[in-house]
């Protein structure tokens, strides 16, 4: 009986720990912005500053509005700037609707309309967010004043994904689902708390549940989070202690190839565009981005020396300068056409 009762008691205690801690997080870390009902989910929108055009920030595939913590306040000094959390991430509720490019863009567009965000927008996207804002500009060009792409994903590569990359992606989906299971029973929360306290033995063993890739992913994530302001760390820890974030990550990873296939033939023309590429970007990625600049007819592509994929955390000032440049390009572009 003990061999049955003791594990059950431990599971019950772990589940209770997670439930109580999650309730405490909701009290201690309320959303800084507004929760707006969009379809069957409430999405979190955070805005700062005043001015026109409005700048909209679109985060990477598993990131939230917090990933713009170094950029948003600086843009708010000269423009109204909006960040938000896609369904299931950050403070946003999960959605039962399958993830797709058209669905995600529809959700963002509805969110901005309900927030009374005046058109047109300057869209800024990091990584997967770059794919989404290009698609937004292709589908609704009248909504968009310009684009800033921060080390965007390669649409061509993911649209025709080779088998090794596809297997790696599916492994990421599997690891994310395992993370959701671990989060339900407080294992993620406990591991992150011990890491903050400098105790690494238990978190490393939990990460190994996902194999070598799980350990590497955790190490990389911690390194990027440490580039954010220290006051943001507890918020990130709170979000990634919630199983919904892992399940959302799995859903976004799973839909990536289909999203790329949907957008690969979507050129963006006649809109100012600045692309910032990491020093680590591959040559085929740089060539693809050069082609996007040619399509836009008004823009520039800059490869930033000594930078990684999370360029907006390493060089936030360059993203802010790119936004200012796109706004100025838009003014010149409109004037030259008598708009």
Protein backbone atom coordinates (compact mmCIF):
# COMPACT_ATOMS: atom_id res chain seq x y z
CA UNK A 1 0.00 0.00 0.00
CA UNK A 2 2.85 2.38 0.82
CA UNK A 3 4.27 1.98 -2.70
CA UNK A 4 0.91 3.24 -4.01
CA UNK A 5 -0.03 5.81 -1.39
CA UNK A 6 3.31 7.62 -1.14
CA UNK A 7 3.57 8.47 -4.90
CA UNK A 8 -0.10 9.50 -4.93
CA UNK A 9 0.47 11.74 -1.91
CA UNK A 10 3.51 13.32 -3.57
CA UNK A 11 1.56 13.96 -6.78
CA UNK A 12 -1.30 15.49 -4.81
CA UNK A 13 1.11 17.71 -2.88
CA UNK A 14 2.84 18.81 -6.10
CA UNK A 15 -0.49 19.60 -7.77
CA UNK A 16 -1.60 21.56 -4.70
CA UNK A 17 1.72 23.49 -4.69
CA UNK A 18 1.23 24.41 -8.37
CA UNK A 19 -2.42 25.43 -7.88
CA UNK A 20 -1.72 27.67 -4.86
CA UNK A 21 1.38 29.21 -6.46
CA UNK A 22 -0.47 29.94 -9.72
CA UNK A 23 -3.22 31.72 -7.78
CA UNK A 24 -0.57 33.76 -5.97
CA UNK A 25 1.05 34.70 -9.30
CA UNK A 26 -2.25 36.03 -10.62
CA UNK A 27 -2.51 38.26 -7.54
CA UNK A 28 1.14 39.40 -7.38
CA UNK A 29 1.76 39.74 -11.14
CA UNK A 30 -1.41 41.18 -12.73
CA UNK A 31 -1.25 42.10 -16.43
CA UNK A 32 0.21 45.58 -17.02
CA UNK A 33 -2.23 46.20 -19.86
CA UNK A 34 -5.83 45.32 -20.79
CA UNK A 35 -7.49 41.98 -21.44
CA UNK A 36 -9.73 42.18 -24.50
CA UNK A 37 -12.11 39.46 -25.68
CA UNK A 38 -11.19 38.29 -29.19
CA UNK A 39 -13.16 35.29 -30.41
CA UNK A 40 -13.11 32.65 -27.69
CA UNK A 41 -10.03 34.01 -25.87
CA UNK A 42 -9.09 37.09 -23.87
CA UNK A 43 -5.88 38.60 -25.22
CA UNK A 44 -3.53 40.88 -23.32
CA UNK A 45 -2.62 44.23 -24.89
CA UNK A 46 -0.09 46.65 -23.37
CA UNK A 47 0.24 50.18 -24.73
CA UNK A 48 2.47 53.12 -23.90
CA UNK A 49 3.14 56.59 -25.29
CA UNK A 50 1.29 58.89 -27.65
CA UNK A 51 1.55 59.80 -31.30
CA UNK A 52 0.98 58.56 -34.80
CA UNK A 53 1.51 56.23 -36.58
CA UNK A 54 0.99 53.57 -33.94
CA UNK A 55 3.80 51.01 -33.60
CA UNK A 56 2.72 47.38 -33.04
CA UNK A 57 5.20 44.83 -31.67
CA UNK A 58 4.88 41.14 -32.62
CA UNK A 59 7.01 38.73 -30.53
CA UNK A 60 8.82 35.55 -31.51
CA UNK A 61 7.24 32.11 -31.61
CA UNK A 62 7.22 31.37 -27.86
CA UNK A 63 7.78 34.90 -26.55
CA UNK A 64 5.36 37.39 -25.05
CA UNK A 65 5.02 41.16 -24.74
CA UNK A 66 7.75 40.97 -22.07
CA UNK A 67 10.35 40.30 -24.76
CA UNK A 68 9.95 43.96 -25.83
CA UNK A 69 10.70 45.32 -22.34
CA UNK A 70 13.92 47.03 -23.54
CA UNK A 71 12.35 48.40 -26.74
CA UNK A 72 8.78 49.47 -25.94
CA UNK A 73 9.56 52.24 -23.39
CA UNK A 74 12.09 53.81 -25.78
CA UNK A 75 9.60 53.86 -28.67
CA UNK A 76 6.97 55.29 -26.28
CA UNK A 77 9.11 58.42 -26.03
CA UNK A 78 8.03 59.42 -29.57
CA UNK A 79 5.03 57.21 -30.54
CA UNK A 80 2.09 55.23 -29.24
CA UNK A 81 3.38 51.66 -29.09
CA UNK A 82 1.43 48.44 -28.53
CA UNK A 83 2.71 45.01 -27.56
CA UNK A 84 0.47 42.02 -26.97
CA UNK A 85 0.48 38.33 -26.11
CA UNK A 86 -0.70 35.83 -28.68
CA UNK A 87 -3.27 33.31 -27.46
CA UNK A 88 -1.88 31.02 -24.78
CA UNK A 89 1.25 33.08 -24.12
CA UNK A 90 1.99 35.63 -21.40
CA UNK A 91 -1.21 36.92 -19.81
CA UNK A 92 -3.43 35.89 -22.75
CA UNK A 93 -5.85 32.99 -22.41
CA UNK A 94 -5.48 29.89 -24.55
CA UNK A 95 -7.59 29.53 -27.67
CA UNK A 96 -9.36 26.39 -28.86
CA UNK A 97 -9.03 27.55 -32.48
CA UNK A 98 -6.18 25.80 -34.38
CA UNK A 99 -3.25 28.11 -35.13
CA UNK A 100 -2.93 29.47 -38.67
CA UNK A 101 -1.55 32.62 -40.31
CA UNK A 102 -4.98 33.90 -41.28
CA UNK A 103 -6.40 33.18 -37.84
CA UNK A 104 -3.57 34.87 -35.96
CA UNK A 105 -3.68 37.95 -38.18
CA UNK A 106 -7.46 38.13 -37.80
CA UNK A 107 -7.06 37.99 -34.00
CA UNK A 108 -4.46 40.76 -34.01
CA UNK A 109 -6.52 42.94 -36.34
CA UNK A 110 -9.63 42.52 -34.19
CA UNK A 111 -7.60 43.24 -31.05
CA UNK A 112 -6.24 46.51 -32.50
CA UNK A 113 -9.66 47.62 -33.73
CA UNK A 114 -11.19 47.00 -30.31
CA UNK A 115 -8.32 48.94 -28.71
CA UNK A 116 -9.22 51.89 -30.99
CA UNK A 117 -5.76 51.88 -32.54
CA UNK A 118 -5.86 54.34 -35.42
CA UNK A 119 -4.66 53.17 -38.84
CA UNK A 120 -2.12 52.77 -40.35
CA UNK A 121 0.39 50.89 -38.20
CA UNK A 122 4.15 50.42 -38.23
CA UNK A 123 4.54 46.69 -37.59
CA UNK A 124 7.64 45.34 -35.84
CA UNK A 125 8.23 41.56 -35.70
CA UNK A 126 10.96 39.35 -34.28
CA UNK A 127 11.65 35.89 -35.74
CA UNK A 128 8.24 34.17 -36.23
CA UNK A 129 6.71 37.59 -35.61
CA UNK A 130 8.44 38.75 -38.80
CA UNK A 131 6.57 36.10 -40.78
CA UNK A 132 3.27 37.26 -39.28
CA UNK A 133 3.73 40.98 -39.94
CA UNK A 134 4.78 40.35 -43.56
CA UNK A 135 1.62 38.32 -44.03
CA UNK A 136 -0.43 41.06 -42.33
CA UNK A 137 1.00 43.67 -44.73
CA UNK A 138 0.29 41.43 -47.74
CA UNK A 139 -3.31 40.74 -46.70
CA UNK A 140 -4.16 44.24 -45.42
CA UNK A 141 -1.76 46.70 -47.09
CA UNK A 142 -4.09 49.61 -46.31
CA UNK A 143 -3.52 48.96 -42.58
CA UNK A 144 0.26 49.17 -42.74
CA UNK A 145 2.53 52.24 -42.88
CA UNK A 146 5.79 50.28 -42.70
CA UNK A 147 7.62 47.23 -41.38
CA UNK A 148 10.63 46.46 -39.17
CA UNK A 149 11.75 42.82 -39.27
CA UNK A 150 14.14 41.70 -36.53
CA UNK A 151 16.06 38.58 -37.65
CA UNK A 152 12.89 37.07 -39.18
CA UNK A 153 12.47 33.35 -39.86
CA UNK A 154 13.17 32.11 -43.37
CA UNK A 155 9.84 31.57 -45.08
CA UNK A 156 11.43 29.64 -47.94
CA UNK A 157 13.30 27.25 -45.65
CA UNK A 158 10.27 26.38 -43.51
CA UNK A 159 7.89 26.18 -46.47
CA UNK A 160 10.06 23.42 -47.96
CA UNK A 161 11.35 21.99 -44.71
CA UNK A 162 13.96 19.20 -45.06
CA UNK A 163 13.35 16.06 -43.02
CA UNK A 164 16.10 16.67 -40.42
CA UNK A 165 14.70 20.13 -39.64
CA UNK A 166 11.15 18.77 -39.57
CA UNK A 167 12.20 16.07 -37.09
CA UNK A 168 13.87 18.72 -34.93
CA UNK A 169 10.69 20.81 -35.04
CA UNK A 170 8.50 17.84 -34.07
CA UNK A 171 10.89 17.11 -31.22
CA UNK A 172 10.35 20.69 -30.04
CA UNK A 173 6.59 20.07 -30.10
CA UNK A 174 7.06 16.88 -28.04
CA UNK A 175 9.35 18.62 -25.52
CA UNK A 176 6.85 21.46 -25.13
CA UNK A 177 4.08 18.98 -24.33
CA UNK A 178 6.34 17.30 -21.78
CA UNK A 179 6.98 20.75 -20.30
CA UNK A 180 3.23 21.24 -19.89
CA UNK A 181 3.01 17.96 -17.97
CA UNK A 182 5.92 18.98 -15.72
CA UNK A 183 4.36 22.42 -15.16
CA UNK A 184 1.03 20.91 -14.04
CA UNK A 185 2.75 19.29 -11.10
CA UNK A 186 4.96 22.22 -10.12
CA UNK A 187 8.20 20.71 -11.42
CA UNK A 188 8.92 23.67 -13.72
CA UNK A 189 8.03 26.17 -11.00
CA UNK A 190 10.22 24.42 -8.44
CA UNK A 191 13.12 24.09 -10.89
CA UNK A 192 13.03 27.78 -11.81
CA UNK A 193 12.85 28.80 -8.15
CA UNK A 194 15.92 26.66 -7.37
CA UNK A 195 17.79 28.07 -10.37
CA UNK A 196 17.18 31.62 -9.14
CA UNK A 197 18.51 30.53 -5.73
CA UNK A 198 21.67 29.21 -7.41
CA UNK A 199 20.87 25.52 -6.92
CA UNK A 200 21.28 23.82 -10.29
CA UNK A 201 21.29 20.07 -9.55
CA UNK A 202 17.51 19.46 -9.51
CA UNK A 203 16.68 21.78 -12.48
CA UNK A 204 19.33 20.04 -14.60
CA UNK A 205 17.79 16.65 -13.84
CA UNK A 206 14.31 17.92 -14.73
CA UNK A 207 15.62 19.35 -18.01
CA UNK A 208 17.10 15.94 -18.84
CA UNK A 209 13.57 14.52 -19.01
CA UNK A 210 13.60 16.06 -22.48
CA UNK A 211 17.01 14.60 -23.35
CA UNK A 212 20.05 16.59 -24.44
CA UNK A 213 17.85 18.98 -26.42
CA UNK A 214 15.79 19.77 -23.30
CA UNK A 215 18.92 20.71 -21.35
CA UNK A 216 20.21 22.88 -24.21
CA UNK A 217 16.84 24.61 -24.65
CA UNK A 218 16.64 25.45 -20.94
CA UNK A 219 20.21 26.79 -20.90
CA UNK A 220 19.58 28.98 -23.96
CA UNK A 221 16.27 30.29 -22.59
CA UNK A 222 17.83 31.28 -19.28
CA UNK A 223 20.67 33.08 -21.10
CA UNK A 224 18.19 35.15 -23.14
CA UNK A 225 15.92 35.94 -20.17
CA UNK A 226 18.93 37.32 -18.27
CA UNK A 227 19.28 40.01 -20.95
CA UNK A 228 15.90 41.45 -19.87
CA UNK A 229 15.64 43.89 -16.92
CA UNK A 230 15.81 41.99 -13.58
CA UNK A 231 12.33 43.20 -12.62
CA UNK A 232 10.94 41.25 -15.60
CA UNK A 233 12.50 37.90 -14.57
CA UNK A 234 9.80 36.97 -12.01
CA UNK A 235 7.10 37.62 -14.63
CA UNK A 236 8.79 35.34 -17.18
CA UNK A 237 9.22 32.71 -14.47
CA UNK A 238 5.54 32.99 -13.59
CA UNK A 239 4.41 32.57 -17.21
CA UNK A 240 6.61 29.55 -17.90
CA UNK A 241 5.37 27.87 -14.72
CA UNK A 242 1.94 27.75 -16.37
CA UNK A 243 1.22 24.69 -18.55
CA UNK A 244 -0.80 26.78 -21.04
CA UNK A 245 2.38 28.49 -22.24
CA UNK A 246 4.01 25.14 -23.06
CA UNK A 247 0.90 23.95 -24.88
CA UNK A 248 0.75 27.21 -26.84
CA UNK A 249 4.42 26.82 -27.74
CA UNK A 250 3.70 23.31 -29.03
CA UNK A 251 0.82 24.62 -31.16
CA UNK A 252 2.88 27.45 -32.68
CA UNK A 253 5.82 25.18 -33.46
CA UNK A 254 3.49 22.64 -35.05
CA UNK A 255 1.93 25.22 -37.37
CA UNK A 256 5.23 26.80 -38.49
CA UNK A 257 5.73 24.90 -41.79
CA UNK A 258 2.11 25.47 -42.86
CA UNK A 259 2.39 29.16 -41.93
CA UNK A 260 5.51 29.42 -44.09
CA UNK A 261 3.80 27.70 -47.04
CA UNK A 262 0.88 30.11 -46.72
CA UNK A 263 3.12 33.18 -46.79
CA UNK A 264 5.92 32.18 -49.17
CA UNK A 265 4.09 33.67 -52.16
CA UNK A 266 2.98 36.83 -50.32
CA UNK A 267 5.16 39.72 -51.53
CA UNK A 268 5.01 43.04 -49.68
CA UNK A 269 5.23 45.95 -52.11
CA UNK A 270 5.08 49.70 -51.71
CA UNK A 271 5.67 49.73 -47.96
CA UNK A 272 8.80 51.09 -46.22
CA UNK A 273 10.79 48.24 -44.66
CA UNK A 274 13.92 47.87 -42.54
CA UNK A 275 15.35 44.40 -41.85
CA UNK A 276 17.87 43.83 -39.06
CA UNK A 277 19.76 40.54 -39.40
CA UNK A 278 21.87 38.84 -36.75
CA UNK A 279 25.56 38.25 -37.38
CA UNK A 280 24.74 34.52 -37.14
CA UNK A 281 22.23 34.61 -40.03
CA UNK A 282 22.94 32.18 -42.89
CA UNK A 283 23.73 33.43 -46.37
CA UNK A 284 20.50 32.02 -47.83
CA UNK A 285 18.55 33.91 -45.15
CA UNK A 286 20.36 37.14 -46.01
CA UNK A 287 19.65 36.63 -49.72
CA UNK A 288 15.95 36.02 -49.04
CA UNK A 289 15.74 39.21 -46.96
CA UNK A 290 17.50 41.21 -49.70
CA UNK A 291 14.74 40.03 -52.05
CA UNK A 292 12.08 41.30 -49.64
CA UNK A 293 13.70 44.73 -49.67
CA UNK A 294 13.62 44.72 -53.49
CA UNK A 295 9.92 43.80 -53.38
CA UNK A 296 9.13 46.63 -50.97
CA UNK A 297 10.72 49.22 -53.25
CA UNK A 298 11.56 51.35 -50.21
CA UNK A 299 13.85 50.00 -47.53
CA UNK A 300 17.18 48.70 -46.32
CA UNK A 301 18.71 45.52 -44.92
CA UNK A 302 21.36 45.72 -42.18
CA UNK A 303 23.39 42.85 -40.76
CA UNK A 304 24.36 43.78 -37.20
CA UNK A 305 27.90 42.71 -36.19
CA UNK A 306 28.36 40.69 -32.99
CA UNK A 307 24.67 39.95 -32.57
CA UNK A 308 22.60 36.82 -32.08
CA UNK A 309 19.02 35.90 -32.93
CA UNK A 310 17.59 37.85 -29.95
CA UNK A 311 18.92 41.06 -31.45
CA UNK A 312 16.28 43.25 -29.79
CA UNK A 313 17.60 42.21 -26.37
CA UNK A 314 21.24 42.76 -27.31
CA UNK A 315 20.82 45.98 -29.32
CA UNK A 316 17.40 47.49 -28.48
CA UNK A 317 18.57 50.93 -29.60
CA UNK A 318 18.99 49.66 -33.17
CA UNK A 319 15.38 48.45 -33.26
CA UNK A 320 14.22 51.86 -31.99
CA UNK A 321 16.30 53.61 -34.66
CA UNK A 322 14.84 51.32 -37.33
CA UNK A 323 11.30 52.23 -36.22
CA UNK A 324 12.14 55.93 -36.43
CA UNK A 325 13.65 55.41 -39.88
CA UNK A 326 10.56 53.55 -41.16
CA UNK A 327 8.31 56.33 -39.86
CA UNK A 328 10.45 58.91 -41.68
CA UNK A 329 10.48 56.76 -44.83
CA UNK A 330 6.70 56.59 -44.67
CA UNK A 331 6.38 60.35 -44.47
CA UNK A 332 8.71 60.83 -47.48
CA UNK A 333 6.97 58.03 -49.39
CA UNK A 334 3.51 59.55 -48.81
CA UNK A 335 4.70 63.05 -49.74
CA UNK A 336 6.33 61.87 -52.97
CA UNK A 337 3.00 60.35 -54.06
CA UNK A 338 0.92 63.26 -52.87
CA UNK A 339 -0.87 61.18 -50.22
